[in-house]
Structures are given as C-alpha cells and as structure tokens.
Protein backbone atom coordinates (compact mmCIF):
# COMPACT_ATOMS: atom_id res chain seq x y z
CA MET A 1 -16.55 0.78 145.46
CA THR A 2 -14.91 -1.23 142.16
CA ASN A 3 -12.17 -3.81 142.84
CA PRO A 4 -10.14 -4.16 140.06
CA HIS A 5 -8.17 -7.23 141.45
CA LEU A 6 -11.26 -8.94 141.66
CA GLU A 7 -12.35 -8.14 138.31
CA ALA A 8 -9.08 -8.86 136.94
CA ARG A 9 -9.66 -12.77 138.27
CA LEU A 10 -13.61 -12.47 136.79
CA ALA A 11 -12.36 -12.10 133.33
CA GLY A 12 -9.23 -14.47 133.37
CA GLN A 13 -6.68 -12.14 133.18
CA ILE A 14 -4.83 -11.82 136.19
CA SER A 15 -1.17 -10.60 137.27
CA LEU A 16 0.88 -11.64 140.20
CA ARG A 17 -0.08 -8.33 142.02
CA ASP A 18 -3.42 -9.27 141.63
CA ARG A 19 -2.57 -12.72 143.24
CA MET A 20 -0.80 -10.83 146.26
CA ALA A 21 -3.24 -9.14 146.87
CA MET A 22 -5.67 -11.94 147.47
CA TYR A 23 -8.33 -9.93 145.17
CA THR A 24 -9.01 -7.94 148.13
CA GLU A 25 -8.10 -3.73 148.53
CA ASN A 26 -8.38 -4.94 152.34
CA ALA A 27 -4.78 -3.73 154.00
CA LEU A 28 -4.67 -6.80 156.07
CA LYS A 29 -5.21 -10.18 154.83
CA ILE A 30 -6.99 -12.33 157.65
CA GLY A 31 -6.68 -15.89 157.09
CA LEU A 32 -7.58 -19.29 158.90
CA PHE A 33 -4.43 -21.59 159.96
CA GLY A 34 -4.47 -25.26 160.70
CA ALA A 35 -8.14 -25.97 160.32
CA ASN A 36 -7.19 -29.37 158.55
CA CYS A 37 -6.26 -31.23 161.32
CA SER A 38 -7.63 -32.94 164.29
CA SER A 39 -7.35 -30.39 167.31
CA GLY A 40 -5.93 -27.50 164.83
CA ARG A 41 -3.27 -25.83 166.51
CA ALA A 42 -4.42 -25.91 169.85
CA VAL A 43 -2.80 -28.64 171.86
CA THR A 44 -5.80 -29.20 174.42
CA LYS A 45 -8.00 -32.05 175.84
CA VAL A 46 -10.87 -29.42 176.25
CA PRO A 47 -14.08 -31.54 174.56
CA GLU A 48 -15.07 -28.71 172.25
CA ARG A 49 -11.30 -28.83 170.90
CA TRP A 50 -11.76 -28.59 166.67
CA THR A 51 -12.76 -31.98 164.92
CA GLY A 52 -10.82 -31.42 161.38
CA ASN A 53 -13.07 -33.30 160.07
CA TRP A 54 -13.93 -32.27 156.33
CA GLN A 55 -18.06 -31.52 157.51
CA ASP A 56 -16.77 -28.91 159.80
CA ASN A 57 -13.87 -27.60 157.71
CA LEU A 58 -16.67 -27.38 154.50
CA LYS A 59 -18.81 -25.20 156.58
CA LEU A 60 -16.09 -23.22 157.68
CA ALA A 61 -14.63 -22.28 154.35
CA ARG A 62 -18.13 -21.18 153.17
CA MET A 63 -18.39 -18.91 156.55
CA ALA A 64 -15.57 -17.63 155.79
CA ASP A 65 -15.84 -17.35 152.44
CA ALA A 66 -19.38 -15.16 153.14
CA ALA A 67 -17.53 -12.74 155.55
CA GLY A 68 -14.79 -11.75 153.33
CA ILE A 69 -11.79 -13.73 154.83
CA GLU A 70 -9.34 -13.76 152.62
CA PHE A 71 -7.58 -17.44 152.73
CA MET A 72 -7.20 -20.70 154.39
CA LEU A 73 -3.61 -21.98 154.95
CA PRO A 74 -3.17 -25.80 155.98
CA VAL A 75 -0.88 -27.93 157.71
CA ALA A 76 0.63 -30.76 156.06
CA ARG A 77 0.73 -33.47 158.18
CA TRP A 78 1.41 -37.11 158.10
CA LYS A 79 1.60 -38.64 161.34
CA GLY A 80 0.16 -37.22 164.66
CA TYR A 81 2.38 -36.14 168.01
CA GLY A 82 0.29 -38.98 170.06
CA GLY A 83 0.09 -37.62 173.60
CA ASP A 84 -3.73 -38.04 175.26
CA THR A 85 -5.47 -37.05 172.17
CA ASP A 86 -3.13 -38.01 169.75
CA TYR A 87 -2.46 -34.39 168.53
CA MET A 88 -2.57 -33.85 164.63
CA GLY A 89 -3.44 -37.46 164.11
CA THR A 90 -6.43 -36.97 162.21
CA THR A 91 -5.27 -35.10 159.03
CA LEU A 92 -6.93 -34.04 155.39
CA GLU A 93 -4.52 -34.32 152.91
CA THR A 94 -4.15 -30.40 151.89
CA LEU A 95 -3.83 -30.80 148.03
CA THR A 96 -7.89 -32.47 147.59
CA TRP A 97 -8.60 -30.71 150.89
CA ALA A 98 -7.59 -27.27 149.20
CA SER A 99 -9.91 -28.50 145.64
CA GLY A 100 -13.08 -29.23 147.13
CA LEU A 101 -13.27 -25.74 149.26
CA LEU A 102 -12.23 -23.89 146.03
CA ALA A 103 -15.08 -25.92 144.18
CA SER A 104 -17.35 -25.24 146.98
CA THR A 105 -16.56 -21.33 147.73
CA GLU A 106 -16.35 -17.93 145.66
CA ARG A 107 -13.44 -15.88 146.70
CA LEU A 108 -11.18 -17.49 149.51
CA ILE A 109 -8.23 -18.13 148.26
CA VAL A 110 -7.05 -21.96 149.97
CA PHE A 111 -3.39 -22.82 149.87
CA GLY A 112 -2.22 -26.35 149.67
CA THR A 113 0.76 -26.97 151.58
CA VAL A 114 3.15 -29.43 150.37
CA HIS A 115 6.80 -31.01 151.13
CA ALA A 116 9.02 -30.74 148.29
CA PRO A 117 10.49 -33.88 148.77
CA LEU A 118 7.80 -36.32 149.06
CA PHE A 119 6.19 -34.81 145.81
CA ASN A 120 7.34 -35.64 142.41
CA PRO A 121 7.30 -31.94 140.80
CA ILE A 122 5.95 -32.62 137.38
CA ILE A 123 2.34 -34.22 139.35
CA ALA A 124 2.84 -31.95 141.34
CA ALA A 125 2.57 -28.89 138.91
CA LYS A 126 -0.32 -30.97 137.89
CA GLU A 127 -2.44 -30.84 140.88
CA PHE A 128 -1.87 -27.31 141.37
CA VAL A 129 -2.80 -26.19 138.26
CA THR A 130 -6.12 -28.51 138.79
CA ALA A 131 -7.01 -26.47 141.72
CA ASP A 132 -5.89 -23.17 140.69
CA HIS A 133 -8.61 -24.00 137.51
CA ILE A 134 -11.26 -25.40 139.99
CA GLY A 135 -10.74 -21.98 142.34
CA ALA A 136 -10.64 -19.63 139.34
CA GLY A 137 -7.30 -18.48 140.04
CA ARG A 138 -7.65 -18.82 143.83
CA PHE A 139 -5.06 -21.63 144.74
CA GLY A 140 -2.14 -20.55 146.60
CA LEU A 141 1.19 -23.07 147.33
CA ASN A 142 2.39 -22.99 150.52
CA ILE A 143 5.74 -24.95 150.18
CA VAL A 144 7.98 -26.70 152.95
CA VAL A 145 10.84 -28.88 152.73
CA GLY A 146 10.19 -30.79 156.63
CA TRP A 147 11.60 -31.91 159.18
CA ASN A 148 9.97 -34.53 161.02
CA GLU A 149 12.24 -37.76 160.32
CA ASP A 150 9.62 -40.67 161.28
CA GLU A 151 7.33 -38.73 158.73
CA PHE A 152 9.79 -38.72 155.75
CA GLN A 153 10.30 -42.78 157.19
CA MET A 154 6.91 -43.53 156.07
CA PHE A 155 7.60 -42.79 152.36
CA GLY A 156 10.68 -44.58 153.09
CA VAL A 157 12.93 -41.29 151.97
CA THR A 158 15.45 -39.67 153.33
CA GLN A 159 16.10 -36.43 155.08
CA ARG A 160 18.40 -34.63 153.76
CA GLU A 161 21.10 -31.86 155.34
CA HIS A 162 19.33 -28.81 156.34
CA GLU A 163 21.02 -26.74 153.43
CA GLN A 164 20.87 -29.38 150.97
CA ARG A 165 16.62 -29.68 151.66
CA TYR A 166 16.72 -26.31 150.64
CA GLU A 167 18.86 -26.69 147.38
CA TYR A 168 16.95 -29.55 146.53
CA ALA A 169 13.92 -27.52 147.05
CA GLN A 170 15.29 -24.50 144.53
CA GLU A 171 15.45 -27.40 142.04
CA TRP A 172 11.57 -28.87 142.52
CA LEU A 173 10.54 -25.25 142.64
CA ASP A 174 12.29 -24.37 139.47
CA ALA A 175 11.07 -27.59 137.31
CA VAL A 176 7.31 -26.60 139.11
CA LYS A 177 7.80 -23.12 137.49
CA GLN A 178 8.70 -24.19 134.24
CA ALA A 179 5.94 -26.70 133.96
CA TRP A 180 3.63 -23.52 134.75
CA GLY A 181 5.61 -21.48 132.28
CA PRO A 182 4.70 -21.15 128.35
CA GLN A 183 6.63 -23.98 127.16
CA ASP A 184 4.42 -26.73 126.35
CA ASP A 185 7.22 -29.24 126.22
CA PHE A 186 11.08 -29.32 128.63
CA GLY A 187 13.60 -30.96 129.91
CA VAL A 188 15.19 -30.67 133.45
CA SER A 189 18.94 -31.72 134.12
CA GLY A 190 19.82 -30.91 137.51
CA LYS A 191 21.83 -31.83 140.76
CA PHE A 192 18.75 -33.68 142.23
CA ILE A 193 16.02 -33.73 139.50
CA ASN A 194 16.31 -35.29 135.92
CA LEU A 195 13.47 -34.92 133.67
CA LYS A 196 13.03 -36.01 130.01
CA ASN A 197 10.41 -34.92 127.76
CA VAL A 198 8.19 -32.99 129.99
CA ARG A 199 4.44 -32.04 128.46
CA ALA A 200 2.60 -29.55 131.04
CA LYS A 201 -0.75 -28.44 129.95
CA PRO A 202 -3.27 -26.36 130.85
CA LYS A 203 -1.29 -23.44 132.44
CA PRO A 204 -2.26 -21.56 135.33
CA TYR A 205 -5.67 -20.05 135.33
CA GLY A 206 -5.14 -16.20 133.81
CA GLY A 207 -1.84 -16.49 132.70
CA GLU A 208 0.01 -16.09 136.01
CA ARG A 209 1.21 -18.74 138.26
CA PRO A 210 -0.12 -18.85 141.65
CA LEU A 211 1.34 -17.45 145.29
CA ILE A 212 4.11 -19.01 146.37
CA MET A 213 4.14 -18.85 150.36
CA ASN A 214 7.28 -20.31 152.47
CA ALA A 215 8.11 -19.56 156.34
CA GLY A 216 11.69 -20.74 156.53
CA ALA A 217 13.46 -19.98 159.93
CA SER A 218 16.64 -20.62 159.43
CA PRO A 219 19.28 -18.17 157.57
CA VAL A 220 18.98 -20.48 154.63
CA GLY A 221 15.32 -21.18 154.63
CA ARG A 222 14.65 -17.07 154.82
CA ALA A 223 17.35 -16.96 151.92
CA PHE A 224 15.40 -19.57 149.90
CA ALA A 225 11.83 -17.66 150.70
CA VAL A 226 12.88 -13.96 149.96
CA LYS A 227 14.15 -15.15 146.53
CA ASN A 228 11.38 -17.43 145.72
CA CYS A 229 8.11 -17.04 147.26
CA ASP A 230 5.62 -13.85 147.32
CA ALA A 231 4.41 -14.27 150.70
CA PHE A 232 6.96 -14.80 153.59
CA PHE A 233 5.18 -15.97 157.25
CA THR A 234 7.59 -14.43 160.10
CA GLN A 235 7.45 -14.73 163.64
CA ALA A 236 5.75 -11.38 164.58
CA SER A 237 7.75 -10.35 168.18
CA ARG A 238 6.35 -10.87 171.76
CA THR A 239 7.55 -8.36 173.06
CA SER A 240 7.48 -4.90 170.60
CA MET A 241 5.96 -3.95 167.39
CA GLU A 242 8.96 -1.97 166.75
CA GLU A 243 10.97 -5.53 166.87
CA THR A 244 8.08 -6.65 164.08
CA ALA A 245 8.64 -3.79 162.20
CA GLN A 246 12.56 -4.53 162.03
CA ARG A 247 11.75 -8.04 161.02
CA VAL A 248 9.25 -7.10 158.39
CA LYS A 249 12.19 -4.06 157.16
CA GLU A 250 14.83 -6.75 157.27
CA ALA A 251 12.80 -9.87 154.72
CA LYS A 252 11.15 -7.15 152.45
CA ASP A 253 14.91 -5.14 151.70
CA ALA A 254 16.64 -8.98 151.51
CA ALA A 255 13.70 -9.41 148.32
CA GLY A 256 14.51 -6.26 146.95
CA GLN A 257 18.13 -7.37 146.37
CA HIS A 258 16.72 -10.29 143.90
CA GLY A 259 14.67 -7.26 142.77
CA ARG A 260 11.46 -8.72 143.75
CA ASP A 261 8.26 -7.47 145.59
CA LEU A 262 7.57 -9.32 148.78
CA ASP A 263 4.69 -9.42 151.71
CA VAL A 264 5.17 -10.49 154.97
CA TYR A 265 2.74 -12.50 157.05
CA ALA A 266 2.31 -14.16 160.84
CA VAL A 267 0.55 -16.59 162.56
CA GLY A 268 -1.02 -16.29 165.86
CA VAL A 269 -3.48 -17.85 168.17
CA VAL A 270 -6.74 -16.12 168.81
CA THR A 271 -8.91 -16.13 172.42
CA CYS A 272 -11.47 -13.61 171.81
CA ARG A 273 -14.55 -13.22 174.46
CA PRO A 274 -17.26 -10.15 175.48
CA THR A 275 -14.83 -8.93 177.50
CA GLN A 276 -11.08 -9.66 178.88
CA LYS A 277 -11.68 -11.37 181.96
CA GLU A 278 -13.76 -14.21 180.30
CA ALA A 279 -10.94 -14.21 177.31
CA GLU A 280 -8.16 -14.59 179.37
CA GLU A 281 -10.10 -17.54 181.72
CA TYR A 282 -10.32 -19.48 179.01
CA TYR A 283 -7.44 -19.36 177.74
CA ASN A 284 -6.48 -20.42 180.70
CA TYR A 285 -8.81 -23.38 181.07
CA ALA A 286 -8.06 -24.31 177.53
CA THR A 287 -4.15 -23.65 176.94
CA ILE A 288 -2.80 -24.16 180.66
CA GLU A 289 -5.25 -26.23 182.42
CA ASN A 290 -6.58 -28.25 179.93
CA ALA A 291 -3.20 -28.66 177.52
CA ASP A 292 -2.04 -32.01 176.09
CA TRP A 293 1.10 -31.83 177.98
CA SER A 294 1.87 -35.70 176.81
CA ALA A 295 1.95 -34.32 173.05
CA VAL A 296 3.71 -30.93 173.90
CA ASP A 297 6.35 -33.26 175.65
CA GLY A 298 6.85 -35.50 172.36
CA ILE A 299 7.23 -32.25 170.41
CA LEU A 300 9.57 -30.88 171.97
CA GLY A 301 11.73 -34.36 171.59
CA LYS A 302 11.64 -34.28 168.09
CA LYS A 303 12.94 -31.11 168.37
CA ASN A 304 15.80 -32.42 170.89
CA ILE A 305 14.60 -29.94 173.54
CA SER A 306 14.08 -30.81 177.17
CA ALA A 307 15.45 -29.76 180.72
CA ALA A 308 18.47 -31.47 179.95
CA THR A 309 19.21 -29.77 176.29
CA VAL A 310 18.08 -26.33 177.64
CA GLY A 311 17.69 -26.20 180.92
CA GLU A 312 14.73 -26.39 183.27
CA GLU A 313 13.39 -22.43 182.40
CA GLU A 314 13.91 -22.63 179.27
CA PHE A 315 12.02 -26.04 178.94
CA GLN A 316 9.24 -24.70 181.28
CA LYS A 317 9.04 -21.55 178.58
CA GLN A 318 8.97 -23.60 175.29
CA ARG A 319 6.27 -26.00 176.64
CA HIS A 320 3.92 -23.23 177.39
CA HIS A 321 5.01 -21.70 173.92
CA TYR A 322 3.95 -25.24 172.00
CA ALA A 323 0.92 -25.75 174.42
CA HIS A 324 -0.79 -22.44 172.32
CA GLY A 325 -0.74 -23.67 169.02
CA LEU A 326 2.58 -24.22 167.97
CA GLY A 327 4.11 -21.46 168.46
CA GLY A 328 2.92 -17.68 166.67
CA LEU A 329 2.03 -14.75 168.43
CA LEU A 330 -0.27 -15.50 171.28
CA MET A 331 -3.59 -12.85 171.30
CA VAL A 332 -6.31 -13.01 174.09
CA GLY A 333 -8.34 -10.29 174.83
CA ASP A 334 -11.71 -8.50 174.29
CA PRO A 335 -12.69 -7.15 170.55
CA ASP A 336 -11.43 -4.06 171.41
CA ARG A 337 -8.03 -5.41 172.23
CA ILE A 338 -7.99 -8.30 169.32
CA ALA A 339 -8.44 -5.05 166.82
CA GLN A 340 -6.21 -3.24 168.15
CA GLN A 341 -3.50 -5.65 168.00
CA LEU A 342 -4.14 -7.10 164.53
CA ALA A 343 -4.34 -3.01 163.72
CA ASP A 344 -0.37 -2.11 165.40
CA LEU A 345 0.80 -5.34 163.32
CA SER A 346 -0.55 -4.21 159.97
CA ARG A 347 0.75 -0.53 160.73
CA ALA A 348 4.30 -2.70 161.35
CA GLY A 349 4.36 -3.43 157.92
CA LEU A 350 2.33 -6.95 157.99
CA ARG A 351 0.75 -7.54 154.87
CA GLY A 352 -1.63 -10.14 156.63
CA ILE A 353 -1.72 -12.96 159.50
CA GLY A 354 -3.12 -16.53 159.51
CA PHE A 355 -4.54 -17.58 163.07
CA SER A 356 -6.49 -20.50 164.55
CA PHE A 357 -9.11 -21.10 167.19
CA VAL A 358 -9.47 -23.65 169.78
CA ASN A 359 -12.87 -24.65 167.58
CA TYR A 360 -12.56 -22.10 164.23
CA LEU A 361 -16.57 -22.65 164.21
CA LYS A 362 -18.10 -21.68 167.20
CA GLU A 363 -15.68 -18.91 167.76
CA LEU A 364 -15.30 -17.36 163.90
CA PRO A 365 -18.54 -15.57 164.14
CA PHE A 366 -17.81 -13.45 167.21
CA PHE A 367 -14.75 -12.66 165.44
CA CYS A 368 -16.64 -11.71 162.37
CA ASP A 369 -19.11 -9.61 163.90
CA GLU A 370 -17.37 -7.76 166.75
CA VAL A 371 -13.34 -7.45 165.54
CA LEU A 372 -14.22 -7.19 161.95
CA PRO A 373 -15.97 -3.75 162.07
CA ARG A 374 -13.61 -3.01 164.42
CA LEU A 375 -10.84 -2.90 162.02
CA GLU A 376 -12.84 -1.41 159.47
CA ARG A 377 -13.23 1.61 161.77
CA LEU A 378 -9.19 1.55 162.44
CA GLY A 379 -8.50 2.00 158.42
CA VAL A 380 -6.63 -1.50 157.89
CA ARG A 381 -10.16 -3.69 156.60
CA ALA A 382 -12.18 -1.82 153.38
CA LYS A 383 -16.12 -1.79 154.48
CA ARG A 384 -17.76 -4.21 153.25
C-alpha cells in the first residue's frame, strides 16, 4: 500500500498536511513521552525505573522506529524535583537529544521541547532547522513557557506574569516563523523582542515549517495553542469518553475560528501485562507501594498544593495523581483492555497519544507485540 505522506518526504516536497500526519496513514498516532529524563514520568523508587541515559534512549528510539511508533516527545527539565531519587534530576537537553535520535532513525518524528523565554529566537530557529535537515523533515517543536521559578533563576531570567508569558511566546514564535519563512533578511520590532538585520538560512526541509505542539492548560494557554499550533495536548477525561470527545470538539472549533486545522492529542501512563491481575499488581507495586512520595510532595509544593491549601481529601487525590506520571490518563490492563482504551480515544476524536512506562525498553516490546496488532484489528492503525 502506498503512503503519499512518506513519498512526499522522501521526495523533499512536504506539505503541512504531511507533517501533521507524521508521514503515516494511522488514524491514531502513538508516541513515547519523557524518556529523556531519569525515572521518565514515573515518580517511583523501584530499581528498574528508567535511567534516562543516552544509550538507553538511542536503543529505545531505534526500537520505536522499527515498530512504527510515530514520535518521541521529551520533557524540558533543568533541575530535578529532589526526593529519594532526585526525580528527573538527570536529563538530556532536548534539541541535541532530538538531533542525535533523528540522525539514528529513519521514520520517527522527534520533538524538541523548548522554553521560549530561555532561548534566543534566532538561535532557536537555526537549531530547529538544523535538526529538521538532519531528520529530513522529521523534527517537531513543542513550545512551552515554563512554570518552575527555581529553574528560571538558574538562568538569571525573571518569570513573567502568566498572561504576559504568552504575549512573549507569541512574539518569540512569530520571530522563529519569520526565520523559517521565505525572506532571507528581516527585522523584528516588538514589545519584548527587537532584532535587526537578521539573516536566516537554510529554511526547513522540504519547503514547509516543522510541526508545532503546545499543551497550554489555562484559558490564555489554550488560546495561544489553538491560534498557533498544529498539535494541542489536552487532558483526556478520566471518567468518560464523551467528555474527552467534547474537549476535542471545543479545541477544534476554537482553531476553526482562526481558519486553522488542529489535531488534538493526550498524554498517558501505560502499565500493560499479560493479565489484568498482573497489570494491577505491578501498578500498585511501582506507583503506590514504592512511590517517591517525598518527590511528589516537592512537586505539589511548587504548585502550592497542600492539605492546608486544598484540604486533606483533595491533597491525597493530587498526590496519587502526580505519583503516576505527573498526571495524564492512567491505563492499566491486559493487551485487550489497553487496545480498547486507545481505540476509544481515537474514536473520541484524538489524533494521538504520548505515553510513558516505568521502564520503556523493557515494556515497549510487549506493547508492540500485543497491543499494536489489536489496534490494527480495531481499525485505528494500518497493517504493517
């Protein structure tokens, strides 16, 4: 079966539609989230937790590439959260990480996650284009504005008020897009950014800009995402597919008001084992019995969430929520259950999902062997 998106990339003549399709015909795109960080997204003390080192990331990327997984999405983290494990204390910078993985794979889309206030837009635009040429059109940009104040202090940068963060991000992204655009020379005169006599070559691979992603959760963040981005990460409902479908519709309708198409994604945490009982037992072992609760409480403290601020019941709810991967949709089950959940998310309108495991390298092969064929049979992934 021919794949016009892949053929366009190989021919060096890419459209935004090809980029948004991630060069596959699969209705549901699947990605791996957070592998560039020690412990990944599992705030756990179990000895098999993810290393986050380069050698394991490279093995994982090649494994995902061979299996037809569409993308890898990193977390931009500059300082760990402490606790017994120094959760996320060792991380690989996302743009150099992406470039290395793109040079070592053939089909995988690899995103760089970038704090706009910490990167000069012209340097950033050049880095993005370089990665995109290394991957022949397979680089994607995940733009974030940041929230960890102590990380910004490392750079001597003062975090702006919430709404002004997105004003700055708008100017920053406009400057990046100009550097990607047809003009070789331009200037920028804005409220925050002023650039003179800018020259920006080469342009992105294949004549089309990279895919842009964002996960703004506040009203101003969502407004920024639907106006500027191609892929928007939302929180899938933990209670009903109907609620997820409504969230997808609202995001798409908002983008439509700007005359734009928008693909909606979610994030999740997967524990998949041969039986439902085994999956639930491992989840309880890794996420409840061996959670790094001191790290969880440190994360909540940064968000001013405590028993004193939200009440004991809500505080305990939030503790468990953050222990299983810093949020996201929890998926625990045998291959039939996991495949059905993913197929239901696709039918609710989600274009894709990025998820994490406790140990990506150990758990991905079983997922690929057992869940992916079921997704083919359920009609949300094309037969390979």
